[in-house]
Amino acid sequence: MNSRYEALVKIAGPVSRETFDRLLAFEQKFLHWSKSINLAAPSTLPHIWERHILDSSQLVTHVKHADSLVDIGSGGGFPGAILAIMLADRTQVHLVESNRKKASFLNTVLHELGTPAQVHAKRIEDSYDLVGRADVVTARALAPLKLLLELASPWISGGASAYFHKGRDYQQEIAESDTLDSYDLLIHQDLVTKEGVILQLSKKQQPAAPGGE
């Protein structure tokens, strides 16, 4: 049994061999395009499977029941492109990336892999109407939590759950987010990066008025 496949299943749950093969193909295309476009830190390229693909794939267990998902600031496709590949038969995935070269990479490669994701070469602030309502919003290595909440607010206010990858400084980011009282927060241990976490946020539910009014 392929050790990469075993690691993927351990992180993300059941994965078809076809999906696994598409992830391997994405890895190779990513490395090819990285020769001409800065898609990720060069130091991470030799470890792209563990550092980026596996780390992104763990979100599947949290978002697999979503009908629609938007990944903001998608960059080289983590986690958005990985989720689009793994959820291709059940979830409409939108990737928002303002850098046109990176957006072109995402659009071209996902099309070649037969993945029906929509790539929007727009600023996040200009994409709300294009994407519309979403069940889930994701982001990885994009911005501090305070800014992420501002950028994702239209979707979260509309009922979306947010999943943000964060590193070892996540507690400081939480402390600096002065609007956090408006959200319910769950902290999940990152299963790949030991010092990392995944912050799950949703709009705080207001208590029902006395008498049900």
N, C-alpha and C. Protein backbone atom coordinates (compact mmCIF):
# COMPACT_ATOMS: atom_id res chain seq x y z
N MET A 1 0.85 -1.19 0.00
CA MET A 1 0.00 0.00 0.00
C MET A 1 0.89 1.25 0.00
N ASN A 2 0.55 2.21 -0.82
CA ASN A 2 1.31 3.45 -0.94
C ASN A 2 1.26 4.22 0.39
N SER A 3 2.44 4.58 0.92
CA SER A 3 2.48 5.26 2.21
C SER A 3 1.82 6.64 2.14
N ARG A 4 1.89 7.30 0.99
CA ARG A 4 1.23 8.59 0.84
C ARG A 4 -0.28 8.42 0.90
N TYR A 5 -0.78 7.39 0.28
CA TYR A 5 -2.22 7.13 0.29
C TYR A 5 -2.67 6.82 1.72
N GLU A 6 -1.91 6.02 2.43
CA GLU A 6 -2.25 5.68 3.81
C GLU A 6 -2.28 6.93 4.68
N ALA A 7 -1.31 7.82 4.50
CA ALA A 7 -1.27 9.06 5.28
C ALA A 7 -2.47 9.94 4.97
N LEU A 8 -2.86 9.97 3.70
CA LEU A 8 -4.01 10.78 3.28
C LEU A 8 -5.30 10.27 3.91
N VAL A 9 -5.50 8.97 3.85
CA VAL A 9 -6.71 8.37 4.43
C VAL A 9 -6.75 8.57 5.94
N LYS A 10 -5.60 8.48 6.58
CA LYS A 10 -5.53 8.68 8.03
C LYS A 10 -5.95 10.09 8.41
N ILE A 11 -5.62 11.06 7.56
CA ILE A 11 -5.92 12.47 7.83
C ILE A 11 -7.34 12.84 7.41
N ALA A 12 -7.75 12.37 6.22
CA ALA A 12 -8.98 12.87 5.60
C ALA A 12 -10.13 11.87 5.56
N GLY A 13 -9.90 10.63 5.95
CA GLY A 13 -10.95 9.62 5.84
C GLY A 13 -10.91 8.95 4.48
N PRO A 14 -11.94 8.19 4.11
CA PRO A 14 -11.93 7.45 2.85
C PRO A 14 -11.68 8.34 1.64
N VAL A 15 -10.77 7.89 0.78
CA VAL A 15 -10.40 8.64 -0.43
C VAL A 15 -10.29 7.64 -1.58
N SER A 16 -10.95 7.92 -2.70
CA SER A 16 -10.88 7.01 -3.84
C SER A 16 -9.49 7.07 -4.47
N ARG A 17 -9.11 6.00 -5.16
CA ARG A 17 -7.82 5.99 -5.82
C ARG A 17 -7.77 7.05 -6.92
N GLU A 18 -8.92 7.31 -7.55
CA GLU A 18 -8.97 8.34 -8.59
C GLU A 18 -8.66 9.71 -8.00
N THR A 19 -9.24 10.00 -6.86
CA THR A 19 -8.96 11.28 -6.20
C THR A 19 -7.50 11.37 -5.78
N PHE A 20 -6.97 10.29 -5.26
CA PHE A 20 -5.55 10.24 -4.87
C PHE A 20 -4.66 10.53 -6.08
N ASP A 21 -4.99 9.92 -7.22
CA ASP A 21 -4.20 10.13 -8.44
C ASP A 21 -4.28 11.59 -8.89
N ARG A 22 -5.43 12.22 -8.71
CA ARG A 22 -5.56 13.63 -9.08
C ARG A 22 -4.72 14.51 -8.18
N LEU A 23 -4.64 14.17 -6.91
CA LEU A 23 -3.80 14.93 -5.99
C LEU A 23 -2.33 14.79 -6.36
N LEU A 24 -1.91 13.59 -6.74
CA LEU A 24 -0.54 13.40 -7.20
C LEU A 24 -0.26 14.21 -8.46
N ALA A 25 -1.24 14.23 -9.36
CA ALA A 25 -1.09 15.00 -10.60
C ALA A 25 -1.01 16.50 -10.28
N PHE A 26 -1.83 16.95 -9.33
CA PHE A 26 -1.77 18.35 -8.93
C PHE A 26 -0.39 18.69 -8.38
N GLU A 27 0.16 17.81 -7.58
CA GLU A 27 1.50 18.04 -7.03
C GLU A 27 2.53 18.24 -8.14
N GLN A 28 2.49 17.38 -9.14
CA GLN A 28 3.46 17.49 -10.24
C GLN A 28 3.25 18.77 -11.04
N LYS A 29 2.02 19.12 -11.30
CA LYS A 29 1.74 20.36 -12.04
C LYS A 29 2.14 21.58 -11.22
N PHE A 30 1.93 21.51 -9.93
CA PHE A 30 2.33 22.60 -9.04
C PHE A 30 3.85 22.81 -9.11
N LEU A 31 4.59 21.73 -9.03
CA LEU A 31 6.05 21.83 -9.08
C LEU A 31 6.51 22.35 -10.43
N HIS A 32 5.83 21.95 -11.50
CA HIS A 32 6.19 22.43 -12.85
C HIS A 32 5.95 23.93 -12.97
N TRP A 33 4.79 24.39 -12.56
CA TRP A 33 4.47 25.81 -12.65
C TRP A 33 5.33 26.64 -11.71
N SER A 34 5.77 26.04 -10.61
CA SER A 34 6.58 26.76 -9.63
C SER A 34 7.94 27.18 -10.19
N LYS A 35 8.33 26.59 -11.31
CA LYS A 35 9.59 26.97 -11.94
C LYS A 35 9.52 28.38 -12.53
N SER A 36 8.31 28.82 -12.83
CA SER A 36 8.15 30.14 -13.44
C SER A 36 7.28 31.10 -12.63
N ILE A 37 6.51 30.57 -11.68
CA ILE A 37 5.64 31.40 -10.83
C ILE A 37 5.91 31.06 -9.37
N ASN A 38 5.97 32.07 -8.54
CA ASN A 38 6.20 31.86 -7.11
C ASN A 38 4.90 31.43 -6.43
N LEU A 39 4.63 30.14 -6.43
CA LEU A 39 3.39 29.61 -5.88
C LEU A 39 3.49 29.29 -4.39
N ALA A 40 4.70 29.05 -3.91
CA ALA A 40 4.91 28.74 -2.49
C ALA A 40 6.37 29.01 -2.16
N ALA A 41 6.66 29.11 -0.88
CA ALA A 41 8.04 29.33 -0.47
C ALA A 41 8.93 28.21 -1.02
N PRO A 42 10.02 28.56 -1.72
CA PRO A 42 10.88 27.53 -2.32
C PRO A 42 11.33 26.46 -1.34
N SER A 43 11.54 26.85 -0.08
CA SER A 43 12.02 25.87 0.91
C SER A 43 11.00 24.78 1.19
N THR A 44 9.72 25.03 0.88
CA THR A 44 8.68 24.04 1.16
C THR A 44 8.43 23.10 -0.02
N LEU A 45 8.96 23.40 -1.19
CA LEU A 45 8.65 22.60 -2.38
C LEU A 45 9.05 21.12 -2.25
N PRO A 46 10.20 20.80 -1.65
CA PRO A 46 10.53 19.38 -1.51
C PRO A 46 9.57 18.62 -0.59
N HIS A 47 8.78 19.36 0.18
CA HIS A 47 7.88 18.73 1.16
C HIS A 47 6.44 19.10 0.88
N ILE A 48 6.12 19.35 -0.37
CA ILE A 48 4.79 19.86 -0.72
C ILE A 48 3.68 18.91 -0.30
N TRP A 49 3.91 17.59 -0.38
CA TRP A 49 2.84 16.64 -0.03
C TRP A 49 2.46 16.78 1.44
N GLU A 50 3.45 16.73 2.33
CA GLU A 50 3.16 16.81 3.76
C GLU A 50 2.81 18.23 4.17
N ARG A 51 3.59 19.19 3.71
CA ARG A 51 3.49 20.57 4.19
C ARG A 51 2.21 21.26 3.70
N HIS A 52 1.79 20.95 2.49
CA HIS A 52 0.67 21.67 1.91
C HIS A 52 -0.54 20.79 1.60
N ILE A 53 -0.32 19.67 0.90
CA ILE A 53 -1.45 18.85 0.46
C ILE A 53 -2.11 18.13 1.62
N LEU A 54 -1.34 17.45 2.44
CA LEU A 54 -1.93 16.77 3.60
C LEU A 54 -2.52 17.78 4.58
N ASP A 55 -1.82 18.86 4.80
CA ASP A 55 -2.30 19.86 5.75
C ASP A 55 -3.63 20.46 5.30
N SER A 56 -3.80 20.60 3.99
CA SER A 56 -5.07 21.10 3.45
C SER A 56 -6.17 20.05 3.52
N SER A 57 -5.78 18.79 3.26
CA SER A 57 -6.78 17.72 3.13
C SER A 57 -7.49 17.40 4.43
N GLN A 58 -6.88 17.74 5.57
CA GLN A 58 -7.53 17.41 6.84
C GLN A 58 -8.84 18.16 7.03
N LEU A 59 -9.04 19.25 6.28
CA LEU A 59 -10.29 20.00 6.40
C LEU A 59 -11.49 19.22 5.87
N VAL A 60 -11.24 18.20 5.06
CA VAL A 60 -12.35 17.44 4.47
C VAL A 60 -13.27 16.88 5.54
N THR A 61 -12.73 16.42 6.64
CA THR A 61 -13.56 15.83 7.70
C THR A 61 -14.50 16.87 8.32
N HIS A 62 -14.14 18.15 8.22
CA HIS A 62 -14.96 19.21 8.80
C HIS A 62 -15.99 19.75 7.81
N VAL A 63 -15.67 19.73 6.51
CA VAL A 63 -16.50 20.45 5.53
C VAL A 63 -17.17 19.53 4.51
N LYS A 64 -17.07 18.23 4.67
CA LYS A 64 -17.52 17.30 3.63
C LYS A 64 -19.01 17.36 3.35
N HIS A 65 -19.79 17.92 4.27
CA HIS A 65 -21.24 17.99 4.04
C HIS A 65 -21.68 19.34 3.47
N ALA A 66 -20.74 20.22 3.19
CA ALA A 66 -21.08 21.54 2.65
C ALA A 66 -21.49 21.44 1.19
N ASP A 67 -22.52 22.18 0.81
CA ASP A 67 -22.92 22.25 -0.59
C ASP A 67 -22.07 23.26 -1.35
N SER A 68 -21.60 24.30 -0.66
CA SER A 68 -20.79 25.33 -1.31
C SER A 68 -19.70 25.81 -0.37
N LEU A 69 -18.54 26.09 -0.94
CA LEU A 69 -17.37 26.49 -0.16
C LEU A 69 -16.61 27.56 -0.93
N VAL A 70 -16.12 28.57 -0.21
CA VAL A 70 -15.28 29.59 -0.83
C VAL A 70 -13.95 29.65 -0.09
N ASP A 71 -12.86 29.59 -0.85
CA ASP A 71 -11.52 29.69 -0.30
C ASP A 71 -10.97 31.06 -0.70
N ILE A 72 -10.63 31.89 0.27
CA ILE A 72 -10.20 33.26 -0.03
C ILE A 72 -8.67 33.37 0.04
N GLY A 73 -8.13 34.15 -0.90
CA GLY A 73 -6.68 34.28 -0.99
C GLY A 73 -6.04 32.94 -1.28
N SER A 74 -6.53 32.27 -2.33
CA SER A 74 -6.17 30.86 -2.57
C SER A 74 -4.70 30.64 -2.89
N GLY A 75 -4.02 31.65 -3.42
CA GLY A 75 -2.59 31.49 -3.72
C GLY A 75 -2.34 30.32 -4.65
N GLY A 76 -1.49 29.40 -4.21
CA GLY A 76 -1.18 28.23 -5.02
C GLY A 76 -2.19 27.11 -4.90
N GLY A 77 -3.26 27.35 -4.13
CA GLY A 77 -4.33 26.35 -4.08
C GLY A 77 -4.51 25.63 -2.77
N PHE A 78 -3.92 26.16 -1.70
CA PHE A 78 -4.03 25.51 -0.40
C PHE A 78 -4.81 26.38 0.57
N PRO A 79 -5.91 25.89 1.11
CA PRO A 79 -6.46 24.54 0.91
C PRO A 79 -7.45 24.40 -0.24
N GLY A 80 -7.82 25.51 -0.91
CA GLY A 80 -8.94 25.50 -1.85
C GLY A 80 -8.88 24.49 -2.96
N ALA A 81 -7.75 24.41 -3.67
CA ALA A 81 -7.66 23.47 -4.80
C ALA A 81 -7.70 22.03 -4.32
N ILE A 82 -7.08 21.77 -3.18
CA ILE A 82 -7.09 20.41 -2.63
C ILE A 82 -8.51 20.00 -2.25
N LEU A 83 -9.24 20.91 -1.63
CA LEU A 83 -10.64 20.62 -1.28
C LEU A 83 -11.49 20.47 -2.52
N ALA A 84 -11.22 21.27 -3.54
CA ALA A 84 -11.98 21.16 -4.79
C ALA A 84 -11.79 19.78 -5.42
N ILE A 85 -10.58 19.26 -5.36
CA ILE A 85 -10.31 17.93 -5.92
C ILE A 85 -10.98 16.85 -5.08
N MET A 86 -10.88 16.98 -3.77
CA MET A 86 -11.38 15.92 -2.89
C MET A 86 -12.90 15.94 -2.74
N LEU A 87 -13.52 17.09 -2.99
CA LEU A 87 -14.97 17.21 -2.84
C LEU A 87 -15.67 17.43 -4.17
N ALA A 88 -15.01 17.07 -5.26
CA ALA A 88 -15.49 17.41 -6.61
C ALA A 88 -16.88 16.90 -6.91
N ASP A 89 -17.26 15.78 -6.31
CA ASP A 89 -18.56 15.18 -6.64
C ASP A 89 -19.68 15.62 -5.71
N ARG A 90 -19.38 16.56 -4.78
CA ARG A 90 -20.44 16.91 -3.82
C ARG A 90 -20.50 18.38 -3.43
N THR A 91 -19.45 19.15 -3.65
CA THR A 91 -19.41 20.52 -3.17
C THR A 91 -18.98 21.48 -4.29
N GLN A 92 -19.71 22.58 -4.43
CA GLN A 92 -19.31 23.65 -5.35
C GLN A 92 -18.26 24.50 -4.66
N VAL A 93 -17.06 24.53 -5.24
CA VAL A 93 -15.94 25.24 -4.62
C VAL A 93 -15.58 26.48 -5.44
N HIS A 94 -15.45 27.60 -4.75
CA HIS A 94 -15.00 28.86 -5.35
C HIS A 94 -13.62 29.19 -4.79
N LEU A 95 -12.70 29.59 -5.66
CA LEU A 95 -11.38 30.01 -5.23
C LEU A 95 -11.20 31.47 -5.63
N VAL A 96 -10.88 32.32 -4.66
CA VAL A 96 -10.71 33.75 -4.91
C VAL A 96 -9.23 34.09 -4.78
N GLU A 97 -8.63 34.55 -5.88
CA GLU A 97 -7.20 34.87 -5.89
C GLU A 97 -6.97 36.06 -6.82
N SER A 98 -6.51 37.17 -6.26
CA SER A 98 -6.37 38.40 -7.04
C SER A 98 -5.15 38.41 -7.95
N ASN A 99 -4.13 37.60 -7.62
CA ASN A 99 -2.94 37.52 -8.48
C ASN A 99 -3.30 36.74 -9.73
N ARG A 100 -3.25 37.41 -10.88
CA ARG A 100 -3.75 36.78 -12.11
C ARG A 100 -2.91 35.58 -12.55
N LYS A 101 -1.63 35.60 -12.29
CA LYS A 101 -0.79 34.45 -12.65
C LYS A 101 -1.18 33.23 -11.82
N LYS A 102 -1.38 33.44 -10.54
CA LYS A 102 -1.78 32.33 -9.68
C LYS A 102 -3.19 31.86 -10.02
N ALA A 103 -4.07 32.80 -10.32
CA ALA A 103 -5.44 32.44 -10.71
C ALA A 103 -5.42 31.64 -12.01
N SER A 104 -4.54 32.03 -12.94
CA SER A 104 -4.41 31.30 -14.20
C SER A 104 -3.93 29.87 -13.95
N PHE A 105 -2.96 29.73 -13.06
CA PHE A 105 -2.49 28.39 -12.68
C PHE A 105 -3.64 27.54 -12.15
N LEU A 106 -4.38 28.09 -11.21
CA LEU A 106 -5.48 27.35 -10.59
C LEU A 106 -6.54 26.96 -11.62
N ASN A 107 -6.91 27.92 -12.45
CA ASN A 107 -7.95 27.67 -13.45
C ASN A 107 -7.50 26.60 -14.44
N THR A 108 -6.27 26.73 -14.93
CA THR A 108 -5.76 25.79 -15.93
C THR A 108 -5.61 24.39 -15.38
N VAL A 109 -4.98 24.27 -14.23
CA VAL A 109 -4.69 22.95 -13.67
C VAL A 109 -5.95 22.23 -13.21
N LEU A 110 -6.85 22.94 -12.56
CA LEU A 110 -8.08 22.29 -12.12
C LEU A 110 -8.93 21.86 -13.31
N HIS A 111 -8.92 22.66 -14.38
CA HIS A 111 -9.63 22.25 -15.59
C HIS A 111 -9.00 20.99 -16.18
N GLU A 112 -7.67 20.95 -16.22
CA GLU A 112 -6.98 19.77 -16.75
C GLU A 112 -7.28 18.52 -15.93
N LEU A 113 -7.52 18.71 -14.65
CA LEU A 113 -7.80 17.57 -13.78
C LEU A 113 -9.29 17.23 -13.72
N GLY A 114 -10.09 17.96 -14.49
CA GLY A 114 -11.52 17.68 -14.51
C GLY A 114 -12.24 18.03 -13.23
N THR A 115 -11.74 19.07 -12.57
CA THR A 115 -12.32 19.49 -11.29
C THR A 115 -13.19 20.73 -11.51
N PRO A 116 -14.48 20.67 -11.23
CA PRO A 116 -15.40 21.76 -11.56
C PRO A 116 -15.43 22.90 -10.54
N ALA A 117 -14.26 23.46 -10.23
CA ALA A 117 -14.20 24.60 -9.32
C ALA A 117 -14.27 25.89 -10.13
N GLN A 118 -14.71 26.95 -9.49
CA GLN A 118 -14.74 28.27 -10.12
C GLN A 118 -13.65 29.14 -9.52
N VAL A 119 -12.80 29.68 -10.38
CA VAL A 119 -11.70 30.54 -9.94
C VAL A 119 -12.05 31.98 -10.28
N HIS A 120 -11.97 32.85 -9.28
CA HIS A 120 -12.29 34.26 -9.46
C HIS A 120 -11.01 35.08 -9.29
N ALA A 121 -10.53 35.67 -10.36
CA ALA A 121 -9.32 36.50 -10.31
C ALA A 121 -9.72 37.90 -9.85
N LYS A 122 -10.11 37.99 -8.61
CA LYS A 122 -10.63 39.24 -8.05
C LYS A 122 -10.08 39.44 -6.64
N ARG A 123 -10.12 40.69 -6.20
CA ARG A 123 -9.89 40.96 -4.78
C ARG A 123 -11.05 40.36 -3.98
N ILE A 124 -10.77 39.94 -2.77
CA ILE A 124 -11.81 39.32 -1.95
C ILE A 124 -13.00 40.25 -1.81
N GLU A 125 -12.72 41.53 -1.59
CA GLU A 125 -13.80 42.50 -1.39
C GLU A 125 -14.69 42.65 -2.62
N ASP A 126 -14.18 42.28 -3.79
CA ASP A 126 -14.94 42.41 -5.02
C ASP A 126 -15.60 41.10 -5.46
N SER A 127 -15.51 40.08 -4.61
CA SER A 127 -15.98 38.75 -5.02
C SER A 127 -17.26 38.31 -4.34
N TYR A 128 -17.76 39.11 -3.39
CA TYR A 128 -18.92 38.66 -2.61
C TYR A 128 -20.13 38.35 -3.49
N ASP A 129 -20.45 39.26 -4.42
CA ASP A 129 -21.61 39.04 -5.28
C ASP A 129 -21.37 37.91 -6.27
N LEU A 130 -20.11 37.73 -6.71
CA LEU A 130 -19.80 36.66 -7.67
C LEU A 130 -19.98 35.29 -7.04
N VAL A 131 -19.54 35.16 -5.81
CA VAL A 131 -19.61 33.87 -5.12
C VAL A 131 -21.01 33.62 -4.57
N GLY A 132 -21.60 34.65 -3.98
CA GLY A 132 -22.90 34.47 -3.34
C GLY A 132 -22.76 33.76 -2.01
N ARG A 133 -23.87 33.24 -1.53
CA ARG A 133 -23.87 32.57 -0.23
C ARG A 133 -23.00 31.31 -0.27
N ALA A 134 -22.35 31.02 0.86
CA ALA A 134 -21.54 29.81 0.97
C ALA A 134 -21.77 29.16 2.33
N ASP A 135 -21.61 27.85 2.39
CA ASP A 135 -21.74 27.13 3.66
C ASP A 135 -20.45 27.20 4.47
N VAL A 136 -19.32 27.30 3.76
CA VAL A 136 -18.01 27.27 4.41
C VAL A 136 -17.10 28.29 3.74
N VAL A 137 -16.27 28.96 4.54
CA VAL A 137 -15.23 29.82 4.02
C VAL A 137 -13.91 29.39 4.64
N THR A 138 -12.86 29.26 3.82
CA THR A 138 -11.56 28.80 4.30
C THR A 138 -10.47 29.80 3.91
N ALA A 139 -9.36 29.75 4.63
CA ALA A 139 -8.19 30.56 4.30
C ALA A 139 -6.98 29.95 5.01
N ARG A 140 -5.83 30.06 4.36
CA ARG A 140 -4.59 29.51 4.92
C ARG A 140 -3.45 30.46 4.56
N ALA A 141 -2.69 30.85 5.57
CA ALA A 141 -1.52 31.71 5.38
C ALA A 141 -1.87 32.98 4.60
N LEU A 142 -2.98 33.60 4.97
CA LEU A 142 -3.44 34.78 4.24
C LEU A 142 -3.26 36.06 5.03
N ALA A 143 -3.75 36.12 6.26
CA ALA A 143 -3.76 37.37 7.02
C ALA A 143 -3.99 37.06 8.49
N PRO A 144 -3.73 38.03 9.37
CA PRO A 144 -4.05 37.85 10.79
C PRO A 144 -5.56 37.62 10.97
N LEU A 145 -5.92 36.98 12.06
CA LEU A 145 -7.31 36.61 12.30
C LEU A 145 -8.24 37.82 12.25
N LYS A 146 -7.83 38.92 12.82
CA LYS A 146 -8.68 40.12 12.84
C LYS A 146 -9.08 40.53 11.43
N LEU A 147 -8.12 40.53 10.50
CA LEU A 147 -8.41 40.90 9.11
C LEU A 147 -9.21 39.80 8.41
N LEU A 148 -8.89 38.55 8.71
CA LEU A 148 -9.64 37.45 8.10
C LEU A 148 -11.12 37.55 8.42
N LEU A 149 -11.43 37.90 9.66
CA LEU A 149 -12.82 38.01 10.05
C LEU A 149 -13.52 39.14 9.29
N GLU A 150 -12.81 40.22 9.04
CA GLU A 150 -13.38 41.31 8.25
C GLU A 150 -13.65 40.85 6.82
N LEU A 151 -12.67 40.18 6.22
CA LEU A 151 -12.80 39.74 4.83
C LEU A 151 -13.90 38.69 4.66
N ALA A 152 -14.01 37.82 5.64
CA ALA A 152 -14.98 36.71 5.54
C ALA A 152 -16.35 37.06 6.11
N SER A 153 -16.48 38.24 6.69
CA SER A 153 -17.70 38.61 7.40
C SER A 153 -18.98 38.44 6.58
N PRO A 154 -19.03 38.84 5.30
CA PRO A 154 -20.28 38.68 4.55
C PRO A 154 -20.75 37.22 4.47
N TRP A 155 -19.81 36.30 4.36
CA TRP A 155 -20.21 34.89 4.29
C TRP A 155 -20.59 34.35 5.67
N ILE A 156 -19.79 34.70 6.69
CA ILE A 156 -20.10 34.22 8.03
C ILE A 156 -21.44 34.79 8.50
N SER A 157 -21.68 36.07 8.21
CA SER A 157 -22.96 36.69 8.59
C SER A 157 -24.13 36.00 7.90
N GLY A 158 -23.86 35.43 6.71
CA GLY A 158 -24.89 34.73 5.97
C GLY A 158 -25.07 33.28 6.39
N GLY A 159 -24.32 32.86 7.41
CA GLY A 159 -24.49 31.50 7.94
C GLY A 159 -23.34 30.56 7.70
N ALA A 160 -22.26 31.01 7.06
CA ALA A 160 -21.12 30.13 6.78
C ALA A 160 -20.31 29.86 8.04
N SER A 161 -19.69 28.70 8.09
CA SER A 161 -18.69 28.40 9.10
C SER A 161 -17.32 28.66 8.48
N ALA A 162 -16.43 29.25 9.24
CA ALA A 162 -15.08 29.56 8.75
C ALA A 162 -14.08 28.59 9.35
N TYR A 163 -13.11 28.19 8.53
CA TYR A 163 -12.02 27.33 8.98
C TYR A 163 -10.71 27.97 8.54
N PHE A 164 -9.94 28.45 9.50
CA PHE A 164 -8.70 29.15 9.22
C PHE A 164 -7.52 28.40 9.81
N HIS A 165 -6.56 28.00 8.95
CA HIS A 165 -5.31 27.44 9.45
C HIS A 165 -4.50 28.53 10.14
N LYS A 166 -3.97 28.21 11.31
CA LYS A 166 -3.13 29.16 12.02
C LYS A 166 -1.92 28.45 12.64
N GLY A 167 -0.85 29.23 12.84
CA GLY A 167 0.38 28.68 13.39
C GLY A 167 0.50 28.89 14.89
N ARG A 168 1.71 28.87 15.36
CA ARG A 168 1.96 28.86 16.80
C ARG A 168 1.53 30.16 17.50
N ASP A 169 1.37 31.25 16.73
CA ASP A 169 1.00 32.53 17.32
C ASP A 169 -0.52 32.75 17.36
N TYR A 170 -1.29 31.69 17.22
CA TYR A 170 -2.74 31.85 17.10
C TYR A 170 -3.36 32.49 18.34
N GLN A 171 -2.81 32.21 19.51
CA GLN A 171 -3.39 32.78 20.73
C GLN A 171 -3.26 34.30 20.75
N GLN A 172 -2.14 34.80 20.25
CA GLN A 172 -1.96 36.24 20.17
C GLN A 172 -2.95 36.85 19.18
N GLU A 173 -3.16 36.16 18.05
CA GLU A 173 -4.11 36.65 17.06
C GLU A 173 -5.53 36.68 17.63
N ILE A 174 -5.87 35.68 18.42
CA ILE A 174 -7.18 35.66 19.06
C ILE A 174 -7.31 36.85 20.02
N ALA A 175 -6.27 37.10 20.79
CA ALA A 175 -6.30 38.20 21.76
C ALA A 175 -6.43 39.56 21.06
N GLU A 176 -5.89 39.66 19.83
CA GLU A 176 -5.91 40.94 19.12
C GLU A 176 -7.16 41.13 18.27
N SER A 177 -8.04 40.14 18.24
CA SER A 177 -9.27 40.22 17.44
C SER A 177 -10.40 40.76 18.30
N ASP A 178 -10.65 42.05 18.19
CA ASP A 178 -11.59 42.70 19.10
C ASP A 178 -13.05 42.44 18.76
N THR A 179 -13.32 41.76 17.65
CA THR A 179 -14.71 41.44 17.30
C THR A 179 -15.06 39.99 17.60
N LEU A 180 -14.17 39.29 18.26
CA LEU A 180 -14.34 37.85 18.45
C LEU A 180 -15.56 37.51 19.30
N ASP A 181 -16.01 38.45 20.10
CA ASP A 181 -17.20 38.20 20.93
C ASP A 181 -18.44 37.95 20.09
N SER A 182 -18.39 38.31 18.81
CA SER A 182 -19.53 38.11 17.92
C SER A 182 -19.56 36.71 17.30
N TYR A 183 -18.55 35.89 17.62
CA TYR A 183 -18.42 34.58 16.98
C TYR A 183 -18.31 33.47 18.01
N ASP A 184 -18.79 32.30 17.62
CA ASP A 184 -18.50 31.08 18.37
C ASP A 184 -17.20 30.52 17.83
N LEU A 185 -16.30 30.13 18.71
CA LEU A 185 -14.96 29.68 18.31
C LEU A 185 -14.67 28.29 18.84
N LEU A 186 -14.20 27.42 17.93
CA LEU A 186 -13.68 26.11 18.32
C LEU A 186 -12.25 26.02 17.81
N ILE A 187 -11.38 25.41 18.57
CA ILE A 187 -9.98 25.27 18.19
C ILE A 187 -9.67 23.79 17.99
N HIS A 188 -9.27 23.44 16.77
CA HIS A 188 -8.92 22.06 16.43
C HIS A 188 -7.40 21.94 16.28
N GLN A 189 -6.82 20.92 16.87
CA GLN A 189 -5.39 20.69 16.69
C GLN A 189 -5.09 20.33 15.24
N ASP A 190 -4.10 20.97 14.66
CA ASP A 190 -3.66 20.62 13.31
C ASP A 190 -3.04 19.23 13.36
N LEU A 191 -3.52 18.32 12.52
CA LEU A 191 -3.07 16.94 12.56
C LEU A 191 -1.75 16.71 11.83
N VAL A 192 -1.30 17.73 11.09
CA VAL A 192 -0.06 17.59 10.32
C VAL A 192 1.05 18.46 10.91
N THR A 193 0.72 19.72 11.16
CA THR A 193 1.69 20.65 11.73
C THR A 193 1.43 20.74 13.23
N LYS A 194 2.28 20.15 14.03
CA LYS A 194 2.01 19.98 15.45
C LYS A 194 1.81 21.30 16.18
N GLU A 195 2.51 22.36 15.76
CA GLU A 195 2.36 23.63 16.46
C GLU A 195 1.19 24.45 15.93
N GLY A 196 0.50 23.93 14.91
CA GLY A 196 -0.60 24.66 14.29
C GLY A 196 -1.96 24.24 14.80
N VAL A 197 -2.95 25.04 14.45
CA VAL A 197 -4.34 24.75 14.79
C VAL A 197 -5.23 25.15 13.62
N ILE A 198 -6.47 24.70 13.68
CA ILE A 198 -7.50 25.17 12.75
C ILE A 198 -8.57 25.84 13.60
N LEU A 199 -8.80 27.11 13.33
CA LEU A 199 -9.83 27.85 14.06
C LEU A 199 -11.15 27.74 13.31
N GLN A 200 -12.16 27.26 13.98
CA GLN A 200 -13.50 27.16 13.42
C GLN A 200 -14.36 28.25 14.04
N LEU A 201 -14.91 29.11 13.18
CA LEU A 201 -15.70 30.23 13.67
C LEU A 201 -17.04 30.29 12.96
N SER A 202 -18.06 30.68 13.71
CA SER A 202 -19.39 30.88 13.14
C SER A 202 -20.06 32.02 13.88
N LYS A 203 -21.07 32.58 13.26
CA LYS A 203 -21.79 33.69 13.87
C LYS A 203 -22.44 33.22 15.15
N LYS A 204 -22.25 33.99 16.21
CA LYS A 204 -22.81 33.61 17.52
C LYS A 204 -24.33 33.67 17.46
N GLN A 205 -24.95 32.62 17.93
CA GLN A 205 -26.40 32.57 17.95
C GLN A 205 -26.95 33.39 19.11
N GLN A 206 -27.87 34.27 18.80
CA GLN A 206 -28.48 35.10 19.84
C GLN A 206 -29.50 34.26 20.63
N PRO A 207 -29.50 34.40 21.94
CA PRO A 207 -30.48 33.65 22.74
C PRO A 207 -31.90 34.05 22.39
N ALA A 208 -32.81 33.08 22.44
CA ALA A 208 -34.19 33.36 22.11
C ALA A 208 -34.79 34.31 23.15
N ALA A 209 -35.68 35.17 22.67
CA ALA A 209 -36.33 36.11 23.58
C ALA A 209 -37.28 35.37 24.51
N PRO A 210 -37.47 35.87 25.71
CA PRO A 210 -38.39 35.21 26.67
C PRO A 210 -39.78 35.05 26.04
N GLY A 211 -40.37 33.90 26.21
CA GLY A 211 -41.70 33.66 25.66
C GLY A 211 -41.69 33.33 24.20
N GLY A 212 -40.45 33.17 23.61
CA GLY A 212 -40.35 32.81 22.19
C GLY A 212 -40.64 33.95 21.26
N GLU A 213 -40.66 35.20 21.76
CA GLU A 213 -40.95 36.36 20.93
C GLU A 213 -39.66 36.94 20.38
